[in-house]
Amino acid sequence: MIYITRRERFNAAHRLFRPDYSDDQNMEIFGKCSNPNWHGHNYTLFVTLKGEVKPETGFLANLKDLSTIIRREITDKLDHKNMNLEVDFMMGKLASTENLAISIWEVLNEPVKQLGASLHCIKIEETENNYVEYYGQ
């Protein structure tokens, strides 16, 4: 078993809030991240695949193909967008980094299988101090 990782970057805005809570309740739970005027981050996304090296190519998967899939399915939809309002796979979800990682896994799982690999981990760095890793169910 071998693991390979592709890194991509995107910038996106979001707001952590529950519409059924008052602004005061949201501020108490989510702090500055519940600002009604949104806030943004420069995210770094790491997509790690696992599987066996193909003898004919020496690759687990072609990283150029993986990059194309990530950009088409994920970063083109997120970059310079508002996660709460403009990103189809985040609609109706609280826009936390945890939920973002799970959603990205759900979107990439099938396209990655078509590369002959399996998803191992979605890692998202939200800030230099905070990141999330998701390894599937």
C-alpha atoms as a PDB file:
ATOM      1  CA  MET A   1       0.000   0.000   0.000  1.00  0.00           C
ATOM      2  CA  ILE A   2       1.268   3.448  -0.931  1.00  0.00           C
ATOM      3  CA  TYR A   3      -0.077   6.927  -0.160  1.00  0.00           C
ATOM      4  CA  ILE A   4       0.186  10.058  -2.308  1.00  0.00           C
ATOM      5  CA  THR A   5      -1.048  13.552  -1.560  1.00  0.00           C
ATOM      6  CA  ARG A   6      -1.984  16.499  -3.745  1.00  0.00           C
ATOM      7  CA  ARG A   7      -2.121  20.002  -2.264  1.00  0.00           C
ATOM      8  CA  GLU A   8      -4.435  22.706  -3.618  1.00  0.00           C
ATOM      9  CA  ARG A   9      -5.308  26.150  -2.274  1.00  0.00           C
ATOM     10  CA  PHE A  10      -8.433  28.293  -2.300  1.00  0.00           C
ATOM     11  CA  ASN A  11      -9.848  31.375  -0.603  1.00  0.00           C
ATOM     12  CA  ALA A  12     -13.412  31.356   0.648  1.00  0.00           C
ATOM     13  CA  ALA A  13     -15.759  33.215   2.953  1.00  0.00           C
ATOM     14  CA  HIS A  14     -18.202  31.708   5.394  1.00  0.00           C
ATOM     15  CA  ARG A  15     -20.159  32.357   8.520  1.00  0.00           C
ATOM     16  CA  LEU A  16     -20.615  29.939  11.395  1.00  0.00           C
ATOM     17  CA  PHE A  17     -24.176  30.369  12.589  1.00  0.00           C
ATOM     18  CA  ARG A  18     -27.466  28.648  13.082  1.00  0.00           C
ATOM     19  CA  PRO A  19     -30.442  30.479  11.606  1.00  0.00           C
ATOM     20  CA  ASP A  20     -32.634  29.235  14.457  1.00  0.00           C
ATOM     21  CA  TYR A  21     -30.388  31.032  16.986  1.00  0.00           C
ATOM     22  CA  SER A  22     -30.377  34.743  17.746  1.00  0.00           C
ATOM     23  CA  ASP A  23     -27.313  36.806  16.823  1.00  0.00           C
ATOM     24  CA  ASP A  24     -26.409  36.830  20.527  1.00  0.00           C
ATOM     25  CA  GLN A  25     -26.644  33.023  20.771  1.00  0.00           C
ATOM     26  CA  ASN A  26     -24.557  32.626  17.617  1.00  0.00           C
ATOM     27  CA  MET A  27     -21.940  35.042  18.971  1.00  0.00           C
ATOM     28  CA  GLU A  28     -21.829  33.134  22.265  1.00  0.00           C
ATOM     29  CA  ILE A  29     -21.249  29.779  20.545  1.00  0.00           C
ATOM     30  CA  PHE A  30     -19.275  30.700  17.411  1.00  0.00           C
ATOM     31  CA  GLY A  31     -17.600  33.958  18.495  1.00  0.00           C
ATOM     32  CA  LYS A  32     -16.205  36.245  15.796  1.00  0.00           C
ATOM     33  CA  CYS A  33     -16.805  33.486  13.243  1.00  0.00           C
ATOM     34  CA  SER A  34     -20.542  34.264  13.461  1.00  0.00           C
ATOM     35  CA  ASN A  35     -20.058  37.802  12.101  1.00  0.00           C
ATOM     36  CA  PRO A  36     -23.229  38.520  10.044  1.00  0.00           C
ATOM     37  CA  ASN A  37     -20.979  40.198   7.434  1.00  0.00           C
ATOM     38  CA  TRP A  38     -18.959  36.979   6.910  1.00  0.00           C
ATOM     39  CA  HIS A  39     -15.236  36.358   7.159  1.00  0.00           C
ATOM     40  CA  GLY A  40     -12.757  34.425   5.050  1.00  0.00           C
ATOM     41  CA  HIS A  41      -9.721  32.184   5.076  1.00  0.00           C
ATOM     42  CA  ASN A  42      -6.889  31.170   2.802  1.00  0.00           C
ATOM     43  CA  TYR A  43      -7.422  27.410   2.903  1.00  0.00           C
ATOM     44  CA  THR A  44      -4.962  24.672   2.012  1.00  0.00           C
ATOM     45  CA  LEU A  45      -6.493  21.357   0.966  1.00  0.00           C
ATOM     46  CA  PHE A  46      -4.569  18.078   1.011  1.00  0.00           C
ATOM     47  CA  VAL A  47      -6.132  15.075  -0.734  1.00  0.00           C
ATOM     48  CA  THR A  48      -4.375  11.796   0.101  1.00  0.00           C
ATOM     49  CA  LEU A  49      -5.000   8.652  -1.918  1.00  0.00           C
ATOM     50  CA  LYS A  50      -4.023   5.078  -1.118  1.00  0.00           C
ATOM     51  CA  GLY A  51      -3.611   1.971  -3.182  1.00  0.00           C
ATOM     52  CA  GLU A  52      -1.091  -0.044  -5.139  1.00  0.00           C
ATOM     53  CA  VAL A  53       1.435   1.196  -7.673  1.00  0.00           C
ATOM     54  CA  LYS A  54       0.456   0.282 -11.232  1.00  0.00           C
ATOM     55  CA  PRO A  55       3.369  -1.573 -12.864  1.00  0.00           C
ATOM     56  CA  GLU A  56       2.674  -0.058 -16.284  1.00  0.00           C
ATOM     57  CA  THR A  57       3.029   3.575 -15.065  1.00  0.00           C
ATOM     58  CA  GLY A  58       4.853   3.384 -11.743  1.00  0.00           C
ATOM     59  CA  PHE A  59       2.031   5.548 -10.318  1.00  0.00           C
ATOM     60  CA  LEU A  60      -0.728   4.944  -7.835  1.00  0.00           C
ATOM     61  CA  ALA A  61      -2.616   7.631  -9.747  1.00  0.00           C
ATOM     62  CA  ASN A  62      -1.543  10.397 -12.078  1.00  0.00           C
ATOM     63  CA  LEU A  63      -1.357  13.525  -9.896  1.00  0.00           C
ATOM     64  CA  LYS A  64      -2.165  15.724 -12.895  1.00  0.00           C
ATOM     65  CA  ASP A  65      -5.472  13.856 -13.269  1.00  0.00           C
ATOM     66  CA  LEU A  66      -6.113  14.155  -9.523  1.00  0.00           C
ATOM     67  CA  SER A  67      -5.427  17.885  -9.652  1.00  0.00           C
ATOM     68  CA  THR A  68      -7.898  18.283 -12.525  1.00  0.00           C
ATOM     69  CA  ILE A  69     -10.593  16.444 -10.535  1.00  0.00           C
ATOM     70  CA  ILE A  70      -9.960  18.485  -7.370  1.00  0.00           C
ATOM     71  CA  ARG A  71     -10.088  21.762  -9.265  1.00  0.00           C
ATOM     72  CA  ARG A  72     -13.221  20.850 -11.244  1.00  0.00           C
ATOM     73  CA  GLU A  73     -15.165  19.360  -8.325  1.00  0.00           C
ATOM     74  CA  ILE A  74     -13.887  21.401  -5.379  1.00  0.00           C
ATOM     75  CA  THR A  75     -11.627  24.431  -5.732  1.00  0.00           C
ATOM     76  CA  ASP A  76     -13.332  26.007  -8.754  1.00  0.00           C
ATOM     77  CA  LYS A  77     -16.576  25.891  -6.769  1.00  0.00           C
ATOM     78  CA  LEU A  78     -15.039  27.263  -3.540  1.00  0.00           C
ATOM     79  CA  ASP A  79     -12.385  29.750  -4.613  1.00  0.00           C
ATOM     80  CA  HIS A  80     -13.407  33.346  -3.919  1.00  0.00           C
ATOM     81  CA  LYS A  81     -16.925  32.216  -3.041  1.00  0.00           C
ATOM     82  CA  ASN A  82     -19.169  32.367  -0.009  1.00  0.00           C
ATOM     83  CA  MET A  83     -19.524  28.780   1.249  1.00  0.00           C
ATOM     84  CA  ASN A  84     -22.892  29.456   2.855  1.00  0.00           C
ATOM     85  CA  LEU A  85     -24.460  30.970  -0.263  1.00  0.00           C
ATOM     86  CA  GLU A  86     -22.665  29.823  -3.411  1.00  0.00           C
ATOM     87  CA  VAL A  87     -21.251  26.315  -2.992  1.00  0.00           C
ATOM     88  CA  ASP A  88     -23.635  23.540  -4.002  1.00  0.00           C
ATOM     89  CA  PHE A  89     -22.127  20.818  -1.825  1.00  0.00           C
ATOM     90  CA  MET A  90     -22.260  23.039   1.289  1.00  0.00           C
ATOM     91  CA  MET A  91     -25.884  24.175   0.937  1.00  0.00           C
ATOM     92  CA  GLY A  92     -27.935  23.571   4.071  1.00  0.00           C
ATOM     93  CA  LYS A  93     -24.866  22.694   6.150  1.00  0.00           C
ATOM     94  CA  LEU A  94     -23.176  24.634   8.913  1.00  0.00           C
ATOM     95  CA  ALA A  95     -20.046  25.874   7.125  1.00  0.00           C
ATOM     96  CA  SER A  96     -17.468  24.553   9.601  1.00  0.00           C
ATOM     97  CA  THR A  97     -14.151  23.171   8.419  1.00  0.00           C
ATOM     98  CA  GLU A  98     -15.237  19.782   9.766  1.00  0.00           C
ATOM     99  CA  ASN A  99     -18.354  19.765   7.569  1.00  0.00           C
ATOM    100  CA  LEU A 100     -16.314  21.056   4.638  1.00  0.00           C
ATOM    101  CA  ALA A 101     -13.870  18.137   4.944  1.00  0.00           C
ATOM    102  CA  ILE A 102     -16.716  15.601   5.067  1.00  0.00           C
ATOM    103  CA  SER A 103     -18.424  17.223   2.074  1.00  0.00           C
ATOM    104  CA  ILE A 104     -15.214  17.236   0.035  1.00  0.00           C
ATOM    105  CA  TRP A 105     -14.772  13.525   0.785  1.00  0.00           C
ATOM    106  CA  GLU A 106     -18.318  12.843  -0.400  1.00  0.00           C
ATOM    107  CA  VAL A 107     -17.727  14.758  -3.643  1.00  0.00           C
ATOM    108  CA  LEU A 108     -14.313  13.236  -4.441  1.00  0.00           C
ATOM    109  CA  ASN A 109     -14.920   9.629  -3.406  1.00  0.00           C
ATOM    110  CA  GLU A 110     -16.320   8.361  -6.722  1.00  0.00           C
ATOM    111  CA  PRO A 111     -14.047  10.341  -9.088  1.00  0.00           C
ATOM    112  CA  VAL A 112     -10.988   9.098  -7.169  1.00  0.00           C
ATOM    113  CA  LYS A 113     -12.144   5.499  -7.568  1.00  0.00           C
ATOM    114  CA  GLN A 114     -12.150   6.084 -11.341  1.00  0.00           C
ATOM    115  CA  LEU A 115      -8.412   6.779 -11.041  1.00  0.00           C
ATOM    116  CA  GLY A 116      -7.977   3.285  -9.609  1.00  0.00           C
ATOM    117  CA  ALA A 117      -7.260   4.559  -6.091  1.00  0.00           C
ATOM    118  CA  SER A 118      -9.079   5.107  -2.803  1.00  0.00           C
ATOM    119  CA  LEU A 119      -9.380   8.218  -0.687  1.00  0.00           C
ATOM    120  CA  HIS A 120      -7.332   7.969   2.484  1.00  0.00           C
ATOM    121  CA  CYS A 121      -7.601  11.453   3.977  1.00  0.00           C
ATOM    122  CA  ILE A 122      -8.965  14.928   3.366  1.00  0.00           C
ATOM    123  CA  LYS A 123      -6.973  17.504   5.314  1.00  0.00           C
ATOM    124  CA  ILE A 124      -7.930  21.172   5.337  1.00  0.00           C
ATOM    125  CA  GLU A 125      -5.808  23.867   6.924  1.00  0.00           C
ATOM    126  CA  GLU A 126      -8.051  26.789   7.812  1.00  0.00           C
ATOM    127  CA  THR A 127      -5.339  28.795   9.565  1.00  0.00           C
ATOM    128  CA  GLU A 128      -1.723  28.116  10.437  1.00  0.00           C
ATOM    129  CA  ASN A 129      -2.974  26.894  13.817  1.00  0.00           C
ATOM    130  CA  ASN A 130      -6.156  24.997  12.867  1.00  0.00           C
ATOM    131  CA  TYR A 131      -6.711  22.069  10.553  1.00  0.00           C
ATOM    132  CA  VAL A 132      -9.104  19.160  10.142  1.00  0.00           C
ATOM    133  CA  GLU A 133      -8.410  15.634   8.933  1.00  0.00           C
ATOM    134  CA  TYR A 134     -11.174  13.311   7.776  1.00  0.00           C
ATOM    135  CA  TYR A 135     -10.638   9.620   7.007  1.00  0.00           C
ATOM    136  CA  GLY A 136     -14.151   8.652   5.930  1.00  0.00           C
ATOM    137  CA  GLN A 137     -16.732   6.726   7.909  1.00  0.00           C
END
